[in-house]
Amino acid sequence: MVGPPYWIGQRLLTLAVKRWPEFHGTMLLRTGREPLDLPLPSLLDVIYAWWVEGGDEKEVAKFRQRLEAPPAGEELEDRAEWSDDETDESFALAMGGMQRAASR
């Protein structure tokens, strides 16, 4: 799986889970589709677009900077940021948590 560093995906999923009724309702109203039926890369893009919608360029740049900042203490030396087992496992764990939160 090729995708963003795992922390970006986790942060985007966390945003959607914390504001699930707003995110889910907005997506249903706009598209008529269940967001969790989307492939993960598409879901992450939708969450990002939903969150930055209506923001000015400065706000979006600040959000993107926070989103992309590596977690404190994260070892990035000699580690591929793209497509590794850690990324796959992180996304799977995050999706499992998101699906549990959505079913409540």
N, C-alpha and C. Protein backbone atom coordinates (compact mmCIF):
# COMPACT_ATOMS: atom_id res chain seq x y z
N MET A 1 0.85 -1.18 0.00
CA MET A 1 0.00 0.00 0.00
C MET A 1 0.89 1.24 0.00
N VAL A 2 0.69 2.11 -0.94
CA VAL A 2 1.43 3.35 -0.98
C VAL A 2 0.52 4.45 -0.48
N GLY A 3 1.01 5.22 0.44
CA GLY A 3 0.19 6.29 0.99
C GLY A 3 1.03 7.22 1.82
N PRO A 4 0.38 8.14 2.48
CA PRO A 4 1.11 9.11 3.28
C PRO A 4 1.74 8.44 4.49
N PRO A 5 2.68 9.10 5.16
CA PRO A 5 3.17 8.54 6.42
C PRO A 5 1.99 8.21 7.31
N TYR A 6 2.12 7.16 8.08
CA TYR A 6 1.00 6.64 8.86
C TYR A 6 0.37 7.69 9.77
N TRP A 7 1.18 8.61 10.31
CA TRP A 7 0.61 9.58 11.26
C TRP A 7 -0.38 10.53 10.60
N ILE A 8 -0.21 10.80 9.31
CA ILE A 8 -1.16 11.66 8.62
C ILE A 8 -2.51 10.96 8.54
N GLY A 9 -2.50 9.71 8.15
CA GLY A 9 -3.74 8.93 8.09
C GLY A 9 -4.40 8.82 9.45
N GLN A 10 -3.61 8.56 10.48
CA GLN A 10 -4.17 8.44 11.82
C GLN A 10 -4.80 9.76 12.26
N ARG A 11 -4.14 10.85 11.99
CA ARG A 11 -4.68 12.16 12.40
C ARG A 11 -5.98 12.48 11.65
N LEU A 12 -6.01 12.20 10.37
CA LEU A 12 -7.23 12.46 9.60
C LEU A 12 -8.38 11.58 10.10
N LEU A 13 -8.10 10.31 10.33
CA LEU A 13 -9.14 9.41 10.83
C LEU A 13 -9.63 9.86 12.21
N THR A 14 -8.71 10.32 13.05
CA THR A 14 -9.09 10.81 14.37
C THR A 14 -10.03 12.01 14.27
N LEU A 15 -9.73 12.92 13.33
CA LEU A 15 -10.63 14.07 13.13
C LEU A 15 -12.04 13.61 12.79
N ALA A 16 -12.13 12.66 11.86
CA ALA A 16 -13.44 12.18 11.43
C ALA A 16 -14.17 11.47 12.56
N VAL A 17 -13.46 10.67 13.33
CA VAL A 17 -14.09 9.93 14.43
C VAL A 17 -14.59 10.90 15.50
N LYS A 18 -13.77 11.89 15.86
CA LYS A 18 -14.16 12.84 16.90
C LYS A 18 -15.37 13.67 16.50
N ARG A 19 -15.54 13.88 15.22
CA ARG A 19 -16.67 14.69 14.74
C ARG A 19 -17.53 13.86 13.78
N TRP A 20 -17.68 12.59 14.13
CA TRP A 20 -18.35 11.65 13.24
C TRP A 20 -19.74 12.08 12.78
N PRO A 21 -20.63 12.52 13.66
CA PRO A 21 -21.97 12.89 13.17
C PRO A 21 -21.91 13.99 12.09
N GLU A 22 -21.02 14.98 12.29
CA GLU A 22 -20.91 16.05 11.30
C GLU A 22 -20.31 15.54 10.01
N PHE A 23 -19.22 14.78 10.12
CA PHE A 23 -18.56 14.26 8.93
C PHE A 23 -19.47 13.31 8.17
N HIS A 24 -20.01 12.34 8.86
CA HIS A 24 -20.85 11.32 8.26
C HIS A 24 -22.09 11.95 7.62
N GLY A 25 -22.74 12.83 8.36
CA GLY A 25 -23.93 13.48 7.84
C GLY A 25 -23.64 14.32 6.60
N THR A 26 -22.55 15.06 6.64
CA THR A 26 -22.17 15.88 5.49
C THR A 26 -21.93 15.01 4.27
N MET A 27 -21.22 13.91 4.45
CA MET A 27 -20.92 13.04 3.30
C MET A 27 -22.20 12.38 2.76
N LEU A 28 -23.09 11.98 3.66
CA LEU A 28 -24.34 11.38 3.19
C LEU A 28 -25.20 12.40 2.44
N LEU A 29 -25.27 13.61 2.97
CA LEU A 29 -26.06 14.65 2.31
C LEU A 29 -25.50 15.01 0.93
N ARG A 30 -24.19 15.12 0.85
CA ARG A 30 -23.56 15.54 -0.40
C ARG A 30 -23.48 14.45 -1.44
N THR A 31 -23.19 13.23 -1.00
CA THR A 31 -22.90 12.17 -1.97
C THR A 31 -23.89 11.01 -1.94
N GLY A 32 -24.57 10.84 -0.82
CA GLY A 32 -25.45 9.68 -0.68
C GLY A 32 -24.68 8.39 -0.45
N ARG A 33 -23.37 8.48 -0.28
CA ARG A 33 -22.52 7.30 -0.08
C ARG A 33 -22.06 7.19 1.36
N GLU A 34 -21.91 5.98 1.80
CA GLU A 34 -21.36 5.70 3.12
C GLU A 34 -19.85 5.91 3.05
N PRO A 35 -19.28 6.83 3.83
CA PRO A 35 -17.85 7.10 3.75
C PRO A 35 -16.97 5.87 3.99
N LEU A 36 -17.39 4.98 4.88
CA LEU A 36 -16.58 3.81 5.19
C LEU A 36 -16.54 2.80 4.05
N ASP A 37 -17.37 2.99 3.02
CA ASP A 37 -17.31 2.12 1.85
C ASP A 37 -16.24 2.56 0.86
N LEU A 38 -15.67 3.74 1.07
CA LEU A 38 -14.63 4.24 0.18
C LEU A 38 -13.31 3.51 0.43
N PRO A 39 -12.48 3.38 -0.60
CA PRO A 39 -11.12 2.89 -0.36
C PRO A 39 -10.40 3.86 0.58
N LEU A 40 -9.51 3.37 1.39
CA LEU A 40 -8.85 4.20 2.39
C LEU A 40 -8.22 5.47 1.83
N PRO A 41 -7.45 5.41 0.74
CA PRO A 41 -6.87 6.67 0.23
C PRO A 41 -7.94 7.70 -0.12
N SER A 42 -9.05 7.26 -0.67
CA SER A 42 -10.15 8.17 -1.00
C SER A 42 -10.79 8.72 0.26
N LEU A 43 -10.98 7.88 1.26
CA LEU A 43 -11.56 8.32 2.53
C LEU A 43 -10.69 9.40 3.16
N LEU A 44 -9.38 9.20 3.16
CA LEU A 44 -8.48 10.20 3.73
C LEU A 44 -8.57 11.51 2.97
N ASP A 45 -8.65 11.45 1.65
CA ASP A 45 -8.80 12.67 0.85
C ASP A 45 -10.11 13.39 1.17
N VAL A 46 -11.18 12.63 1.34
CA VAL A 46 -12.48 13.22 1.65
C VAL A 46 -12.45 13.89 3.03
N ILE A 47 -11.83 13.23 4.01
CA ILE A 47 -11.72 13.82 5.34
C ILE A 47 -10.93 15.11 5.28
N TYR A 48 -9.81 15.09 4.58
CA TYR A 48 -8.99 16.29 4.44
C TYR A 48 -9.78 17.42 3.80
N ALA A 49 -10.45 17.13 2.69
CA ALA A 49 -11.22 18.16 1.98
C ALA A 49 -12.34 18.71 2.86
N TRP A 50 -13.01 17.83 3.61
CA TRP A 50 -14.09 18.24 4.50
C TRP A 50 -13.54 19.19 5.58
N TRP A 51 -12.38 18.87 6.12
CA TRP A 51 -11.84 19.65 7.21
C TRP A 51 -11.36 21.03 6.76
N VAL A 52 -10.74 21.12 5.57
CA VAL A 52 -10.18 22.41 5.12
C VAL A 52 -11.16 23.25 4.33
N GLU A 53 -12.31 22.69 4.00
CA GLU A 53 -13.31 23.42 3.21
C GLU A 53 -13.66 24.75 3.88
N GLY A 54 -13.61 25.79 3.12
CA GLY A 54 -13.96 27.11 3.62
C GLY A 54 -12.83 27.83 4.35
N GLY A 55 -11.72 27.14 4.59
CA GLY A 55 -10.60 27.77 5.27
C GLY A 55 -9.81 28.65 4.30
N ASP A 56 -9.23 29.70 4.82
CA ASP A 56 -8.41 30.53 3.94
C ASP A 56 -7.04 29.86 3.77
N GLU A 57 -6.28 30.39 2.85
CA GLU A 57 -4.99 29.78 2.51
C GLU A 57 -4.06 29.65 3.71
N LYS A 58 -4.05 30.65 4.57
CA LYS A 58 -3.18 30.64 5.75
C LYS A 58 -3.62 29.55 6.74
N GLU A 59 -4.93 29.44 6.98
CA GLU A 59 -5.44 28.41 7.89
C GLU A 59 -5.14 27.01 7.36
N VAL A 60 -5.34 26.81 6.06
CA VAL A 60 -5.09 25.51 5.46
C VAL A 60 -3.60 25.17 5.55
N ALA A 61 -2.73 26.13 5.31
CA ALA A 61 -1.28 25.90 5.39
C ALA A 61 -0.89 25.50 6.82
N LYS A 62 -1.45 26.18 7.83
CA LYS A 62 -1.15 25.84 9.23
C LYS A 62 -1.64 24.43 9.56
N PHE A 63 -2.85 24.11 9.12
CA PHE A 63 -3.39 22.77 9.36
C PHE A 63 -2.51 21.71 8.71
N ARG A 64 -2.13 21.95 7.46
CA ARG A 64 -1.31 20.98 6.73
C ARG A 64 0.05 20.79 7.42
N GLN A 65 0.62 21.87 7.92
CA GLN A 65 1.90 21.78 8.63
C GLN A 65 1.77 20.92 9.88
N ARG A 66 0.70 21.14 10.66
CA ARG A 66 0.47 20.31 11.85
C ARG A 66 0.19 18.86 11.48
N LEU A 67 -0.56 18.67 10.43
CA LEU A 67 -0.91 17.32 9.98
C LEU A 67 0.33 16.53 9.57
N GLU A 68 1.24 17.18 8.88
CA GLU A 68 2.40 16.49 8.32
C GLU A 68 3.59 16.38 9.28
N ALA A 69 3.55 17.11 10.39
CA ALA A 69 4.66 17.06 11.35
C ALA A 69 4.78 15.66 11.94
N PRO A 70 5.98 15.09 11.90
CA PRO A 70 6.15 13.75 12.50
C PRO A 70 5.84 13.77 13.99
N PRO A 71 5.36 12.67 14.52
CA PRO A 71 5.10 12.59 15.97
C PRO A 71 6.39 12.83 16.75
N ALA A 72 6.27 13.38 17.93
CA ALA A 72 7.44 13.61 18.78
C ALA A 72 8.14 12.28 19.04
N GLY A 73 9.45 12.29 18.88
CA GLY A 73 10.23 11.08 19.16
C GLY A 73 10.21 10.05 18.06
N GLU A 74 9.56 10.33 16.96
CA GLU A 74 9.49 9.38 15.86
C GLU A 74 10.85 9.25 15.19
N GLU A 75 11.33 8.04 15.05
CA GLU A 75 12.61 7.77 14.39
C GLU A 75 12.37 7.64 12.89
N LEU A 76 12.85 8.62 12.13
CA LEU A 76 12.66 8.59 10.68
C LEU A 76 13.95 8.27 9.94
N GLU A 77 15.06 8.23 10.64
CA GLU A 77 16.33 7.91 10.00
C GLU A 77 16.30 6.46 9.50
N ASP A 78 16.80 6.27 8.29
CA ASP A 78 16.92 4.93 7.69
C ASP A 78 15.59 4.18 7.67
N ARG A 79 14.52 4.88 7.51
CA ARG A 79 13.19 4.25 7.48
C ARG A 79 12.41 4.81 6.30
N ALA A 80 11.88 3.93 5.50
CA ALA A 80 11.05 4.38 4.38
C ALA A 80 9.73 4.89 4.94
N GLU A 81 9.34 6.10 4.58
CA GLU A 81 8.07 6.65 5.06
C GLU A 81 6.89 6.10 4.29
N TRP A 82 7.10 5.59 3.13
CA TRP A 82 6.03 5.19 2.24
C TRP A 82 5.98 3.68 2.13
N SER A 83 4.81 3.13 2.26
CA SER A 83 4.55 1.73 1.99
C SER A 83 5.40 0.78 2.83
N ASP A 84 5.10 0.69 4.10
CA ASP A 84 5.77 -0.29 4.94
C ASP A 84 4.74 -0.98 5.83
N ASP A 85 5.19 -2.01 6.51
CA ASP A 85 4.27 -2.79 7.35
C ASP A 85 3.66 -1.93 8.46
N GLU A 86 4.45 -1.02 9.02
CA GLU A 86 3.94 -0.16 10.09
C GLU A 86 2.77 0.69 9.61
N THR A 87 2.89 1.22 8.40
CA THR A 87 1.82 2.03 7.83
C THR A 87 0.55 1.20 7.66
N ASP A 88 0.70 0.02 7.06
CA ASP A 88 -0.46 -0.86 6.85
C ASP A 88 -1.14 -1.21 8.18
N GLU A 89 -0.34 -1.56 9.18
CA GLU A 89 -0.91 -1.93 10.48
C GLU A 89 -1.59 -0.74 11.14
N SER A 90 -0.98 0.44 11.05
CA SER A 90 -1.57 1.63 11.66
C SER A 90 -2.92 1.96 11.04
N PHE A 91 -2.99 1.90 9.70
CA PHE A 91 -4.24 2.18 9.03
C PHE A 91 -5.30 1.15 9.40
N ALA A 92 -4.91 -0.11 9.45
CA ALA A 92 -5.87 -1.16 9.80
C ALA A 92 -6.41 -0.94 11.22
N LEU A 93 -5.52 -0.60 12.16
CA LEU A 93 -5.96 -0.34 13.53
C LEU A 93 -6.88 0.87 13.59
N ALA A 94 -6.49 1.92 12.89
CA ALA A 94 -7.31 3.14 12.90
C ALA A 94 -8.68 2.88 12.28
N MET A 95 -8.73 2.14 11.20
CA MET A 95 -10.01 1.85 10.56
C MET A 95 -10.88 1.00 11.46
N GLY A 96 -10.28 0.05 12.17
CA GLY A 96 -11.05 -0.77 13.09
C GLY A 96 -11.68 0.08 14.19
N GLY A 97 -10.91 1.04 14.71
CA GLY A 97 -11.42 1.96 15.73
C GLY A 97 -12.49 2.86 15.18
N MET A 98 -12.32 3.28 13.94
CA MET A 98 -13.30 4.17 13.31
C MET A 98 -14.62 3.43 13.10
N GLN A 99 -14.54 2.19 12.66
CA GLN A 99 -15.77 1.42 12.42
C GLN A 99 -16.49 1.14 13.73
N ARG A 100 -15.74 0.89 14.80
CA ARG A 100 -16.38 0.66 16.11
C ARG A 100 -17.06 1.93 16.59
N ALA A 101 -16.40 3.07 16.42
CA ALA A 101 -16.98 4.36 16.85
C ALA A 101 -18.22 4.69 16.04
N ALA A 102 -18.22 4.37 14.77
CA ALA A 102 -19.34 4.69 13.90
C ALA A 102 -20.55 3.83 14.23
N SER A 103 -20.33 2.63 14.75
CA SER A 103 -21.45 1.73 15.01
C SER A 103 -22.11 2.01 16.36
N ARG A 104 -21.56 2.93 17.14
CA ARG A 104 -22.15 3.26 18.45
C ARG A 104 -23.38 4.09 18.32
